[in-house]
Structures are given as structure tokens and as C-alpha cells.
Full PDB file with SEQRES, HELIX, SHEET, SSBOND, CRYST1, ORIGX, SCALE, CONECT and MASTER records, all heavy atoms in Angstrom:
SEQRES   1 A   39  THR ILE VAL THR PRO PRO ALA LYS LEU ILE GLY LEU VAL          
SEQRES   2 A   39  ASP CYS ASN ASN PHE TYR VAL SER CYS GLU ARG VAL PHE          
SEQRES   3 A   39  ARG PRO ASP LEU ILE GLY LYS PRO VAL ALA VAL LEU SER          
HELIX    1 AA1 PHE A   18  PHE A   26  1                                   9    
HELIX    2 AA2 PRO A   28  LEU A   30  5                                   3    
CRYST1    1.000    1.000    1.000  90.00  90.00  90.00 P 1           1          
ORIGX1      1.000000  0.000000  0.000000        0.00000                         
ORIGX2      0.000000  1.000000  0.000000        0.00000                         
ORIGX3      0.000000  0.000000  1.000000        0.00000                         
SCALE1      1.000000  0.000000  0.000000        0.00000                         
SCALE2      0.000000  1.000000  0.000000        0.00000                         
SCALE3      0.000000  0.000000  1.000000        0.00000                         
ATOM      1  N   THR A   1       0.849  -1.191  -0.017  1.00  0.00           N  
ATOM      2  CA  THR A   1      -0.007   0.004  -0.009  1.00  0.00           C  
ATOM      3  C   THR A   1       0.855   1.236  -0.009  1.00  0.00           C  
ATOM      4  O   THR A   1       1.781   1.366   0.825  1.00  0.00           O  
ATOM      5  CB  THR A   1      -0.921   0.039   1.231  1.00  0.00           C  
ATOM      6  OG1 THR A   1      -1.653  -1.182   1.252  1.00  0.00           O  
ATOM      7  CG2 THR A   1      -1.814   1.238   1.222  1.00  0.00           C  
ATOM      8  N   ILE A   2       0.634   2.139  -0.879  1.00  0.00           N  
ATOM      9  CA  ILE A   2       1.409   3.359  -0.988  1.00  0.00           C  
ATOM     10  C   ILE A   2       0.541   4.473  -0.396  1.00  0.00           C  
ATOM     11  O   ILE A   2      -0.574   4.701  -0.814  1.00  0.00           O  
ATOM     12  CB  ILE A   2       1.789   3.712  -2.383  1.00  0.00           C  
ATOM     13  CG1 ILE A   2       2.674   2.589  -2.977  1.00  0.00           C  
ATOM     14  CG2 ILE A   2       2.468   5.088  -2.497  1.00  0.00           C  
ATOM     15  CD1 ILE A   2       3.028   2.785  -4.421  1.00  0.00           C  
ATOM     16  N   VAL A   3       1.116   5.134   0.641  1.00  0.00           N  
ATOM     17  CA  VAL A   3       0.375   6.280   1.274  1.00  0.00           C  
ATOM     18  C   VAL A   3       1.044   7.584   0.831  1.00  0.00           C  
ATOM     19  O   VAL A   3       2.229   7.759   0.917  1.00  0.00           O  
ATOM     20  CB  VAL A   3       0.486   6.133   2.829  1.00  0.00           C  
ATOM     21  CG1 VAL A   3      -0.152   7.329   3.501  1.00  0.00           C  
ATOM     22  CG2 VAL A   3      -0.081   4.808   3.311  1.00  0.00           C  
ATOM     23  N   THR A   4       0.225   8.443   0.295  1.00  0.00           N  
ATOM     24  CA  THR A   4       0.695   9.728  -0.151  1.00  0.00           C  
ATOM     25  C   THR A   4       0.582  10.739   0.972  1.00  0.00           C  
ATOM     26  O   THR A   4      -0.485  10.893   1.517  1.00  0.00           O  
ATOM     27  CB  THR A   4      -0.109  10.241  -1.376  1.00  0.00           C  
ATOM     28  OG1 THR A   4      -0.070   9.260  -2.353  1.00  0.00           O  
ATOM     29  CG2 THR A   4       0.495  11.508  -1.906  1.00  0.00           C  
ATOM     30  N   PRO A   5       1.680  11.422   1.321  1.00  0.00           N  
ATOM     31  CA  PRO A   5       1.611  12.423   2.398  1.00  0.00           C  
ATOM     32  C   PRO A   5       0.724  13.586   1.976  1.00  0.00           C  
ATOM     33  O   PRO A   5       0.642  13.941   0.769  1.00  0.00           O  
ATOM     34  CB  PRO A   5       3.051  12.846   2.618  1.00  0.00           C  
ATOM     35  CG  PRO A   5       3.750  12.494   1.337  1.00  0.00           C  
ATOM     36  CD  PRO A   5       3.021  11.340   0.745  1.00  0.00           C  
ATOM     37  N   PRO A   6       0.139  14.289   2.943  1.00  0.00           N  
ATOM     38  CA  PRO A   6      -0.675  15.488   2.631  1.00  0.00           C  
ATOM     39  C   PRO A   6       0.194  16.562   2.029  1.00  0.00           C  
ATOM     40  O   PRO A   6       1.426  16.631   2.277  1.00  0.00           O  
ATOM     41  CB  PRO A   6      -1.307  15.906   3.955  1.00  0.00           C  
ATOM     42  CG  PRO A   6      -0.389  15.258   4.962  1.00  0.00           C  
ATOM     43  CD  PRO A   6       0.144  14.027   4.404  1.00  0.00           C  
ATOM     44  N   ALA A   7      -0.405  17.384   1.215  1.00  0.00           N  
ATOM     45  CA  ALA A   7       0.313  18.495   0.556  1.00  0.00           C  
ATOM     46  C   ALA A   7       0.860  19.526   1.539  1.00  0.00           C  
ATOM     47  O   ALA A   7       1.880  20.105   1.393  1.00  0.00           O  
ATOM     48  CB  ALA A   7      -0.534  19.153  -0.517  1.00  0.00           C  
ATOM     49  N   LYS A   8       0.061  19.725   2.651  1.00  0.00           N  
ATOM     50  CA  LYS A   8       0.442  20.731   3.620  1.00  0.00           C  
ATOM     51  C   LYS A   8       0.260  20.100   5.030  1.00  0.00           C  
ATOM     52  O   LYS A   8      -0.736  19.422   5.286  1.00  0.00           O  
ATOM     53  CB  LYS A   8      -0.409  21.949   3.448  1.00  0.00           C  
ATOM     54  CG  LYS A   8       0.021  23.092   4.355  1.00  0.00           C  
ATOM     55  CD  LYS A   8      -1.013  24.227   4.408  1.00  0.00           C  
ATOM     56  CE  LYS A   8      -1.267  24.891   3.139  1.00  0.00           C  
ATOM     57  NZ  LYS A   8      -2.107  26.112   3.318  1.00  0.00           N  
ATOM     58  N   LEU A   9       1.190  20.347   5.848  1.00  0.00           N  
ATOM     59  CA  LEU A   9       1.097  19.872   7.260  1.00  0.00           C  
ATOM     60  C   LEU A   9       1.195  21.035   8.213  1.00  0.00           C  
ATOM     61  O   LEU A   9       2.058  21.923   8.052  1.00  0.00           O  
ATOM     62  CB  LEU A   9       2.253  18.908   7.486  1.00  0.00           C  
ATOM     63  CG  LEU A   9       2.202  18.016   8.700  1.00  0.00           C  
ATOM     64  CD1 LEU A   9       0.974  17.100   8.642  1.00  0.00           C  
ATOM     65  CD2 LEU A   9       3.415  17.160   8.778  1.00  0.00           C  
ATOM     66  N   ILE A  10       0.264  21.085   9.144  1.00  0.00           N  
ATOM     67  CA  ILE A  10       0.259  22.193  10.112  1.00  0.00           C  
ATOM     68  C   ILE A  10       0.460  21.597  11.544  1.00  0.00           C  
ATOM     69  O   ILE A  10      -0.116  20.632  11.871  1.00  0.00           O  
ATOM     70  CB  ILE A  10      -1.080  22.954  10.072  1.00  0.00           C  
ATOM     71  CG1 ILE A  10      -1.210  23.589   8.691  1.00  0.00           C  
ATOM     72  CG2 ILE A  10      -1.155  24.010  11.128  1.00  0.00           C  
ATOM     73  CD1 ILE A  10      -2.575  24.202   8.423  1.00  0.00           C  
ATOM     74  N   GLY A  11       1.354  22.224  12.295  1.00  0.00           N  
ATOM     75  CA  GLY A  11       1.569  21.809  13.663  1.00  0.00           C  
ATOM     76  C   GLY A  11       1.231  22.883  14.616  1.00  0.00           C  
ATOM     77  O   GLY A  11       1.383  24.101  14.353  1.00  0.00           O  
ATOM     78  N   LEU A  12       0.714  22.491  15.778  1.00  0.00           N  
ATOM     79  CA  LEU A  12       0.386  23.456  16.875  1.00  0.00           C  
ATOM     80  C   LEU A  12       0.999  22.981  18.124  1.00  0.00           C  
ATOM     81  O   LEU A  12       0.805  21.858  18.531  1.00  0.00           O  
ATOM     82  CB  LEU A  12      -1.120  23.583  16.992  1.00  0.00           C  
ATOM     83  CG  LEU A  12      -1.615  24.454  18.122  1.00  0.00           C  
ATOM     84  CD1 LEU A  12      -1.204  25.900  17.943  1.00  0.00           C  
ATOM     85  CD2 LEU A  12      -3.116  24.353  18.276  1.00  0.00           C  
ATOM     86  N   VAL A  13       1.757  23.854  18.781  1.00  0.00           N  
ATOM     87  CA  VAL A  13       2.403  23.538  20.061  1.00  0.00           C  
ATOM     88  C   VAL A  13       1.905  24.541  21.074  1.00  0.00           C  
ATOM     89  O   VAL A  13       1.977  25.736  20.883  1.00  0.00           O  
ATOM     90  CB  VAL A  13       3.911  23.615  19.927  1.00  0.00           C  
ATOM     91  CG1 VAL A  13       4.539  23.329  21.288  1.00  0.00           C  
ATOM     92  CG2 VAL A  13       4.436  22.673  18.836  1.00  0.00           C  
ATOM     93  N   ASP A  14       1.346  24.040  22.156  1.00  0.00           N  
ATOM     94  CA  ASP A  14       0.878  24.907  23.250  1.00  0.00           C  
ATOM     95  C   ASP A  14       1.798  24.640  24.419  1.00  0.00           C  
ATOM     96  O   ASP A  14       1.777  23.610  25.021  1.00  0.00           O  
ATOM     97  CB  ASP A  14      -0.554  24.557  23.572  1.00  0.00           C  
ATOM     98  CG  ASP A  14      -1.115  25.493  24.634  1.00  0.00           C  
ATOM     99  OD1 ASP A  14      -0.476  26.502  24.997  1.00  0.00           O  
ATOM    100  OD2 ASP A  14      -2.213  25.223  25.104  1.00  0.00           O  
ATOM    101  N   CYS A  15       2.640  25.638  24.726  1.00  0.00           N  
ATOM    102  CA  CYS A  15       3.639  25.480  25.807  1.00  0.00           C  
ATOM    103  C   CYS A  15       3.107  26.204  27.079  1.00  0.00           C  
ATOM    104  O   CYS A  15       2.646  27.364  27.035  1.00  0.00           O  
ATOM    105  CB  CYS A  15       4.945  26.079  25.404  1.00  0.00           C  
ATOM    106  SG  CYS A  15       5.666  25.280  23.926  1.00  0.00           S  
ATOM    107  N   ASN A  16       3.167  25.541  28.184  1.00  0.00           N  
ATOM    108  CA  ASN A  16       2.756  26.096  29.441  1.00  0.00           C  
ATOM    109  C   ASN A  16       3.858  27.117  29.922  1.00  0.00           C  
ATOM    110  O   ASN A  16       5.021  26.794  29.910  1.00  0.00           O  
ATOM    111  CB  ASN A  16       2.597  24.989  30.462  1.00  0.00           C  
ATOM    112  CG  ASN A  16       1.942  25.435  31.738  1.00  0.00           C  
ATOM    113  OD1 ASN A  16       1.190  26.376  31.764  1.00  0.00           O  
ATOM    114  ND2 ASN A  16       2.238  24.742  32.816  1.00  0.00           N  
ATOM    115  N   ASN A  17       3.363  28.277  30.299  1.00  0.00           N  
ATOM    116  CA  ASN A  17       4.287  29.358  30.831  1.00  0.00           C  
ATOM    117  C   ASN A  17       5.411  29.645  29.847  1.00  0.00           C  
ATOM    118  O   ASN A  17       6.589  29.843  30.280  1.00  0.00           O  
ATOM    119  CB  ASN A  17       4.910  28.873  32.116  1.00  0.00           C  
ATOM    120  CG  ASN A  17       3.949  28.333  33.168  1.00  0.00           C  
ATOM    121  OD1 ASN A  17       2.759  28.655  33.125  1.00  0.00           O  
ATOM    122  ND2 ASN A  17       4.425  27.478  34.041  1.00  0.00           N  
ATOM    123  N   PHE A  18       5.144  29.684  28.550  1.00  0.00           N  
ATOM    124  CA  PHE A  18       6.210  29.750  27.590  1.00  0.00           C  
ATOM    125  C   PHE A  18       7.222  30.836  27.801  1.00  0.00           C  
ATOM    126  O   PHE A  18       8.431  30.589  27.895  1.00  0.00           O  
ATOM    127  CB  PHE A  18       5.637  29.914  26.154  1.00  0.00           C  
ATOM    128  CG  PHE A  18       6.667  29.993  25.127  1.00  0.00           C  
ATOM    129  CD1 PHE A  18       7.371  28.835  24.717  1.00  0.00           C  
ATOM    130  CD2 PHE A  18       7.028  31.172  24.516  1.00  0.00           C  
ATOM    131  CE1 PHE A  18       8.342  28.912  23.706  1.00  0.00           C  
ATOM    132  CE2 PHE A  18       7.977  31.295  23.522  1.00  0.00           C  
ATOM    133  CZ  PHE A  18       8.670  30.104  23.152  1.00  0.00           C  
ATOM    134  N   TYR A  19       6.808  32.065  27.949  1.00  0.00           N  
ATOM    135  CA  TYR A  19       7.755  33.132  28.064  1.00  0.00           C  
ATOM    136  C   TYR A  19       8.496  33.096  29.435  1.00  0.00           C  
ATOM    137  O   TYR A  19       9.653  33.461  29.541  1.00  0.00           O  
ATOM    138  CB  TYR A  19       7.071  34.528  27.853  1.00  0.00           C  
ATOM    139  CG  TYR A  19       6.796  34.796  26.422  1.00  0.00           C  
ATOM    140  CD1 TYR A  19       5.508  34.743  25.970  1.00  0.00           C  
ATOM    141  CD2 TYR A  19       7.806  35.054  25.532  1.00  0.00           C  
ATOM    142  CE1 TYR A  19       5.217  34.954  24.615  1.00  0.00           C  
ATOM    143  CE2 TYR A  19       7.539  35.271  24.186  1.00  0.00           C  
ATOM    144  CZ  TYR A  19       6.264  35.229  23.720  1.00  0.00           C  
ATOM    145  OH  TYR A  19       6.005  35.411  22.404  1.00  0.00           O  
ATOM    146  N   VAL A  20       7.804  32.655  30.433  1.00  0.00           N  
ATOM    147  CA  VAL A  20       8.464  32.459  31.759  1.00  0.00           C  
ATOM    148  C   VAL A  20       9.526  31.370  31.632  1.00  0.00           C  
ATOM    149  O   VAL A  20      10.666  31.562  32.097  1.00  0.00           O  
ATOM    150  CB  VAL A  20       7.424  32.082  32.852  1.00  0.00           C  
ATOM    151  CG1 VAL A  20       8.141  31.646  34.131  1.00  0.00           C  
ATOM    152  CG2 VAL A  20       6.501  33.271  33.091  1.00  0.00           C  
ATOM    153  N   SER A  21       9.235  30.315  30.972  1.00  0.00           N  
ATOM    154  CA  SER A  21      10.200  29.217  30.798  1.00  0.00           C  
ATOM    155  C   SER A  21      11.384  29.691  30.033  1.00  0.00           C  
ATOM    156  O   SER A  21      12.524  29.310  30.321  1.00  0.00           O  
ATOM    157  CB  SER A  21       9.542  28.025  30.066  1.00  0.00           C  
ATOM    158  OG  SER A  21       8.472  27.488  30.837  1.00  0.00           O  
ATOM    159  N   CYS A  22      11.195  30.545  28.961  1.00  0.00           N  
ATOM    160  CA  CYS A  22      12.315  31.103  28.253  1.00  0.00           C  
ATOM    161  C   CYS A  22      13.177  31.968  29.088  1.00  0.00           C  
ATOM    162  O   CYS A  22      14.402  31.889  28.999  1.00  0.00           O  
ATOM    163  CB  CYS A  22      11.810  31.880  27.009  1.00  0.00           C  
ATOM    164  SG  CYS A  22      11.020  30.891  25.715  1.00  0.00           S  
ATOM    165  N   GLU A  23      12.550  32.812  29.920  1.00  0.00           N  
ATOM    166  CA  GLU A  23      13.367  33.662  30.797  1.00  0.00           C  
ATOM    167  C   GLU A  23      14.171  32.790  31.747  1.00  0.00           C  
ATOM    168  O   GLU A  23      15.326  33.140  32.053  1.00  0.00           O  
ATOM    169  CB  GLU A  23      12.455  34.574  31.614  1.00  0.00           C  
ATOM    170  CG  GLU A  23      11.771  35.696  30.764  1.00  0.00           C  
ATOM    171  CD  GLU A  23      12.766  36.689  30.177  1.00  0.00           C  
ATOM    172  OE1 GLU A  23      13.901  36.817  30.646  1.00  0.00           O  
ATOM    173  OE2 GLU A  23      12.351  37.361  29.191  1.00  0.00           O  
ATOM    174  N   ARG A  24      13.611  31.704  32.188  1.00  0.00           N  
ATOM    175  CA  ARG A  24      14.346  30.835  33.139  1.00  0.00           C  
ATOM    176  C   ARG A  24      15.501  30.094  32.468  1.00  0.00           C  
ATOM    177  O   ARG A  24      16.451  29.744  33.167  1.00  0.00           O  
ATOM    178  CB  ARG A  24      13.362  29.853  33.818  1.00  0.00           C  
ATOM    179  CG  ARG A  24      12.452  30.532  34.816  1.00  0.00           C  
ATOM    180  CD  ARG A  24      11.498  29.570  35.410  1.00  0.00           C  
ATOM    181  NE  ARG A  24      10.812  30.167  36.619  1.00  0.00           N  
ATOM    182  CZ  ARG A  24       9.782  29.633  37.202  1.00  0.00           C  
ATOM    183  NH1 ARG A  24       9.292  28.454  36.779  1.00  0.00           N  
ATOM    184  NH2 ARG A  24       9.245  30.215  38.267  1.00  0.00           N  
ATOM    185  N   VAL A  25      15.436  29.902  31.195  1.00  0.00           N  
ATOM    186  CA  VAL A  25      16.547  29.305  30.489  1.00  0.00           C  
ATOM    187  C   VAL A  25      17.778  30.206  30.583  1.00  0.00           C  
ATOM    188  O   VAL A  25      18.894  29.763  30.854  1.00  0.00           O  
ATOM    189  CB  VAL A  25      16.190  29.061  28.984  1.00  0.00           C  
ATOM    190  CG1 VAL A  25      17.476  28.745  28.168  1.00  0.00           C  
ATOM    191  CG2 VAL A  25      15.214  27.926  28.860  1.00  0.00           C  
ATOM    192  N   PHE A  26      17.560  31.528  30.428  1.00  0.00           N  
ATOM    193  CA  PHE A  26      18.614  32.484  30.499  1.00  0.00           C  
ATOM    194  C   PHE A  26      19.005  32.931  31.868  1.00  0.00           C  
ATOM    195  O   PHE A  26      20.071  33.456  32.159  1.00  0.00           O  
ATOM    196  CB  PHE A  26      18.325  33.716  29.593  1.00  0.00           C  
ATOM    197  CG  PHE A  26      18.116  33.374  28.165  1.00  0.00           C  
ATOM    198  CD1 PHE A  26      16.870  33.347  27.602  1.00  0.00           C  
ATOM    199  CD2 PHE A  26      19.193  32.996  27.375  1.00  0.00           C  
ATOM    200  CE1 PHE A  26      16.664  33.009  26.269  1.00  0.00           C  
ATOM    201  CE2 PHE A  26      19.049  32.677  26.026  1.00  0.00           C  
ATOM    202  CZ  PHE A  26      17.759  32.678  25.494  1.00  0.00           C  
ATOM    203  N   ARG A  27      17.975  32.701  32.817  1.00  0.00           N  
ATOM    204  CA  ARG A  27      18.215  33.112  34.210  1.00  0.00           C  
ATOM    205  C   ARG A  27      17.793  31.988  35.094  1.00  0.00           C  
ATOM    206  O   ARG A  27      16.722  31.958  35.695  1.00  0.00           O  
ATOM    207  CB  ARG A  27      17.364  34.349  34.568  1.00  0.00           C  
ATOM    208  CG  ARG A  27      17.736  35.642  33.845  1.00  0.00           C  
ATOM    209  CD  ARG A  27      18.664  36.500  34.596  1.00  0.00           C  
ATOM    210  NE  ARG A  27      18.411  36.581  36.038  1.00  0.00           N  
ATOM    211  CZ  ARG A  27      17.623  37.489  36.651  1.00  0.00           C  
ATOM    212  NH1 ARG A  27      16.958  38.386  35.934  1.00  0.00           N  
ATOM    213  NH2 ARG A  27      17.445  37.472  37.972  1.00  0.00           N  
ATOM    214  N   PRO A  28      18.606  30.921  35.260  1.00  0.00           N  
ATOM    215  CA  PRO A  28      18.234  29.809  36.103  1.00  0.00           C  
ATOM    216  C   PRO A  28      17.968  30.175  37.552  1.00  0.00           C  
ATOM    217  O   PRO A  28      17.311  29.447  38.257  1.00  0.00           O  
ATOM    218  CB  PRO A  28      19.471  28.873  35.985  1.00  0.00           C  
ATOM    219  CG  PRO A  28      20.252  29.339  34.857  1.00  0.00           C  
ATOM    220  CD  PRO A  28      19.903  30.771  34.624  1.00  0.00           C  
ATOM    221  N   ASP A  29      18.451  31.310  37.988  1.00  0.00           N  
ATOM    222  CA  ASP A  29      18.190  31.714  39.376  1.00  0.00           C  
ATOM    223  C   ASP A  29      16.726  32.029  39.601  1.00  0.00           C  
ATOM    224  O   ASP A  29      16.253  32.131  40.770  1.00  0.00           O  
ATOM    225  CB  ASP A  29      19.011  32.993  39.741  1.00  0.00           C  
ATOM    226  CG  ASP A  29      18.749  34.156  38.815  1.00  0.00           C  
ATOM    227  OD1 ASP A  29      18.957  34.052  37.590  1.00  0.00           O  
ATOM    228  OD2 ASP A  29      18.321  35.225  39.379  1.00  0.00           O  
ATOM    229  N   LEU A  30      15.906  32.121  38.543  1.00  0.00           N  
ATOM    230  CA  LEU A  30      14.460  32.369  38.647  1.00  0.00           C  
ATOM    231  C   LEU A  30      13.671  31.123  38.881  1.00  0.00           C  
ATOM    232  O   LEU A  30      12.467  31.215  39.173  1.00  0.00           O  
ATOM    233  CB  LEU A  30      13.974  33.062  37.373  1.00  0.00           C  
ATOM    234  CG  LEU A  30      14.550  34.443  37.085  1.00  0.00           C  
ATOM    235  CD1 LEU A  30      14.058  34.938  35.722  1.00  0.00           C  
ATOM    236  CD2 LEU A  30      14.173  35.420  38.166  1.00  0.00           C  
ATOM    237  N   ILE A  31      14.268  29.964  38.751  1.00  0.00           N  
ATOM    238  CA  ILE A  31      13.571  28.696  38.964  1.00  0.00           C  
ATOM    239  C   ILE A  31      13.080  28.643  40.394  1.00  0.00           C  
ATOM    240  O   ILE A  31      13.828  28.859  41.302  1.00  0.00           O  
ATOM    241  CB  ILE A  31      14.432  27.492  38.589  1.00  0.00           C  
ATOM    242  CG1 ILE A  31      14.841  27.517  37.109  1.00  0.00           C  
ATOM    243  CG2 ILE A  31      13.796  26.171  38.971  1.00  0.00           C  
ATOM    244  CD1 ILE A  31      15.891  26.500  36.687  1.00  0.00           C  
ATOM    245  N   GLY A  32      11.766  28.326  40.504  1.00  0.00           N  
ATOM    246  CA  GLY A  32      11.133  28.209  41.802  1.00  0.00           C  
ATOM    247  C   GLY A  32      10.655  29.536  42.381  1.00  0.00           C  
ATOM    248  O   GLY A  32      10.056  29.538  43.476  1.00  0.00           O  
ATOM    249  N   LYS A  33      10.920  30.614  41.705  1.00  0.00           N  
ATOM    250  CA  LYS A  33      10.455  31.951  42.138  1.00  0.00           C  
ATOM    251  C   LYS A  33       9.257  32.405  41.331  1.00  0.00           C  
ATOM    252  O   LYS A  33       9.133  31.988  40.166  1.00  0.00           O  
ATOM    253  CB  LYS A  33      11.603  32.919  42.010  1.00  0.00           C  
ATOM    254  CG  LYS A  33      12.776  32.642  42.890  1.00  0.00           C  
ATOM    255  CD  LYS A  33      13.865  33.665  42.775  1.00  0.00           C  
ATOM    256  CE  LYS A  33      15.082  33.252  43.687  1.00  0.00           C  
ATOM    257  NZ  LYS A  33      16.202  34.146  43.431  1.00  0.00           N  
ATOM    258  N   PRO A  34       8.449  33.252  41.885  1.00  0.00           N  
ATOM    259  CA  PRO A  34       7.318  33.782  41.079  1.00  0.00           C  
ATOM    260  C   PRO A  34       7.770  34.752  39.987  1.00  0.00           C  
ATOM    261  O   PRO A  34       8.505  35.716  40.275  1.00  0.00           O  
ATOM    262  CB  PRO A  34       6.445  34.479  42.120  1.00  0.00           C  
ATOM    263  CG  PRO A  34       7.357  34.834  43.295  1.00  0.00           C  
ATOM    264  CD  PRO A  34       8.471  33.767  43.269  1.00  0.00           C  
ATOM    265  N   VAL A  35       7.405  34.454  38.771  1.00  0.00           N  
ATOM    266  CA  VAL A  35       7.838  35.208  37.643  1.00  0.00           C  
ATOM    267  C   VAL A  35       6.588  35.503  36.736  1.00  0.00           C  
ATOM    268  O   VAL A  35       5.804  34.576  36.524  1.00  0.00           O  
ATOM    269  CB  VAL A  35       8.886  34.478  36.813  1.00  0.00           C  
ATOM    270  CG1 VAL A  35       9.287  35.288  35.571  1.00  0.00           C  
ATOM    271  CG2 VAL A  35      10.070  34.155  37.639  1.00  0.00           C  
ATOM    272  N   ALA A  36       6.478  36.712  36.228  1.00  0.00           N  
ATOM    273  CA  ALA A  36       5.435  37.054  35.294  1.00  0.00           C  
ATOM    274  C   ALA A  36       6.048  37.839  34.165  1.00  0.00           C  
ATOM    275  O   ALA A  36       7.022  38.581  34.358  1.00  0.00           O  
ATOM    276  CB  ALA A  36       4.337  37.902  35.965  1.00  0.00           C  
ATOM    277  N   VAL A  37       5.513  37.667  32.976  1.00  0.00           N  
ATOM    278  CA  VAL A  37       5.911  38.429  31.789  1.00  0.00           C  
ATOM    279  C   VAL A  37       4.800  39.299  31.359  1.00  0.00           C  
ATOM    280  O   VAL A  37       3.632  38.889  31.338  1.00  0.00           O  
ATOM    281  CB  VAL A  37       6.390  37.420  30.658  1.00  0.00           C  
ATOM    282  CG1 VAL A  37       6.803  38.192  29.428  1.00  0.00           C  
ATOM    283  CG2 VAL A  37       7.520  36.533  31.168  1.00  0.00           C  
ATOM    284  N   LEU A  38       5.158  40.530  30.985  1.00  0.00           N  
ATOM    285  CA  LEU A  38       4.189  41.527  30.618  1.00  0.00           C  
ATOM    286  C   LEU A  38       4.058  41.699  29.126  1.00  0.00           C  
ATOM    287  O   LEU A  38       4.940  41.369  28.375  1.00  0.00           O  
ATOM    288  CB  LEU A  38       4.585  42.887  31.306  1.00  0.00           C  
ATOM    289  CG  LEU A  38       4.714  42.816  32.806  1.00  0.00           C  
ATOM    290  CD1 LEU A  38       5.353  44.063  33.294  1.00  0.00           C  
ATOM    291  CD2 LEU A  38       3.423  42.544  33.457  1.00  0.00           C  
ATOM    292  N   SER A  39       2.908  42.257  28.724  1.00  0.00           N  
ATOM    293  CA  SER A  39       2.631  42.538  27.322  1.00  0.00           C  
ATOM    294  C   SER A  39       3.575  43.569  26.744  1.00  0.00           C  
ATOM    295  O   SER A  39       4.378  44.169  27.476  1.00  0.00           O  
ATOM    296  CB  SER A  39       1.196  42.975  27.164  1.00  0.00           C  
ATOM    297  OG  SER A  39       0.945  44.207  27.912  1.00  0.00           O  
TER     298      SER A  39                                                      
MASTER        0    0    0    2    0    0    0    6  297    1    0    3          
END                                                                             
């Protein structure tokens, strides 16, 4: 059986606390502390 892949593929990733997690990558001292990112 030959399966033809779709012409277009769309992916969606929903990351919890995304911008906070990114800040913590660059500032590990923030891990475990309350952090918020503003608009």
C-alpha cells in the first residue's frame, strides 16, 4: 500500500508558561520563584 503524504502539514504547540520558561533558560536563578511576563 502506498500512502501519499498530505500536501500541507500544520503543527500546533501549546507550551505552558512559555515566556516564563524562556526567561528561566537564560536566568536559572528564577527557577522556583514567582515570575510574570508583561505585554
